Amino acid sequence: MKKYVILCALTLASTLSMEAQRISFERNTINAGTTLWKRPVTVVFKYTNKDKDPLFVREVDAGCGCLKPEWRADALMKGDEGEIRITYDAQMLGHFDRYIDVYTNASEKPVRIRMKALVSNGGQNTIEELFPYSIDDILLSTNNVEFLDVNAGDSAKVEIEILNNSDNVYTPTLMHLPSYLTAEYKPEMIARGRRGKIELTLHSEELKDLGLNQTSIYLARFSGDKVGSNNELAVSAVLLPDLHFAEEFTRKPNFQISDTELNIGKLGKKTKLKGNVKISNKGRGVLKLSKIQAFNQAVTVSLKKTELQPGEEVQMNVVVDAKFLGLSKAQPRVLIITNDPQRPKAVVNVNFEK
C-alpha cells in the first residue's frame, strides 16, 4: 500500500513537471539596461508552446503597480510563438529587479520570469524634480517608502536618494527602525552639495502579520535629533502568503473583483465621498478575504461577509472622509488578501478630485 501511494505521488509530481514545461521562454531574465528617470522602458519575453495541446496565458501577475504587463489571450498551438510585454514606469531611481508570475492552462503553479533595469537621472532633471521632498536642508527623492508584494521568506530593497543642501557635512541616520528593516548609508558622510542614498532592506521573516504593515521612521538632521512629523518617513510593506498548492486541486476559490480603479467623483465642499466594487467567487472552494486594509487613514471599508461560497458575490463599500485627508502620506488604496493561490491579493486605487 505504501509503495502504491509513493508511486502515485511520483506520478503526480512527474505530470505537473511535464505540464509546467509546455511554455518555454526564450529568456527567463531580461535586463532592460539603463533608462532615464520617469522614462518608461519595455521588455519582451518571447515564448513557445512545446506541447501538442493548446496553450494560453491566463494571467500575468507583475505584483507591482510600477509594472504593466500585456499579452495575447488566445490559445497557441504546438510550435506557435507568443510574447509578454512588460513596461516599467521608472518612477524610482536606482536598480530595479522584479520577478513576474505567469499563469497558464498548463499548470496550477506559475512560471517565473524576471525583469531588471537601472533608472538614472542622466543629469537632465532639475533638483526639484529629482528631490521633491525636504527635511530642512536635506532633500529626498521620496518620503513614502513602499515594499509591495513581498512573499513570505523573501527580502526586498528600496533606495532613498539624498542631496545635502546644508552648509556642513551630513551623516544620514534613520531613527526608530523596526526589526524587519535595516539601513545602509552610501556614503556614510555626505559633503555639502553632494548626493548619497539610503538603501533600506526589508526582512520578511521579521514581519508578524500578513497583508499591510505600516510604520514611521525618522531621518535625523543632526546628532541627538528628536523624532517628529517634520522628519517623518512613512513605510509600508505588503506581505503575501505562499498559497500555491495550499488547497486541493479540485476545490480552489477563484477571486474576482469588478474594478481595481475606483473613481468616486469630486470632493469639493463635500465631507465624504462613497463608492463600491463587487467581489465574487468563481471557483469551487470557499473564498476567504483574510485581510482588507486601507493604506490611508481617510479611507474606510465595509462589507457584509469575508467568506464567499462558490458563486457568491459581495459588495465592498469604500468611503473617503475629508477630515482625515493629509494625515497619511500613502495614496488612497485598499489592499485585499485572499486564499486564492492564483490571486492572493488585489489593490483597489481610490481616485477622486479635491
Foldseek 3Di string as FASTA:
>chain_A
DVVVVVVVVVVVVVLQVVLQPQKAWPAQEDEQEEDEAQPKTKDKIKIFGQDQDWKAWDDKAQQDPQKDKDWDGDTDGHGDMTIIMIIGRRNAAAKDKGKMFIDMPSHLGTDIGMYIYGYDNVPPDDPCCQFVDDLVQKTKNAQEAEATEDEAQDKDKGKIKIFRQDQAKWAKDKPPDDPQKDWDWAVRIAGHGGMTMIMIMGGRNPDDDAAKDKDKMFIDRDPPDDDDPSGIGIYIYHYAYQQRVVDDPQAFWDKDKQDQEAEFEACVVNQKTKDKIKIATQGRHKKAFPDKDWPFPQKDKDWDDRIYHHGDMIMIMIMGGNVRPPVDPDATKIKTAISHNVDRIGIRHYDYHD
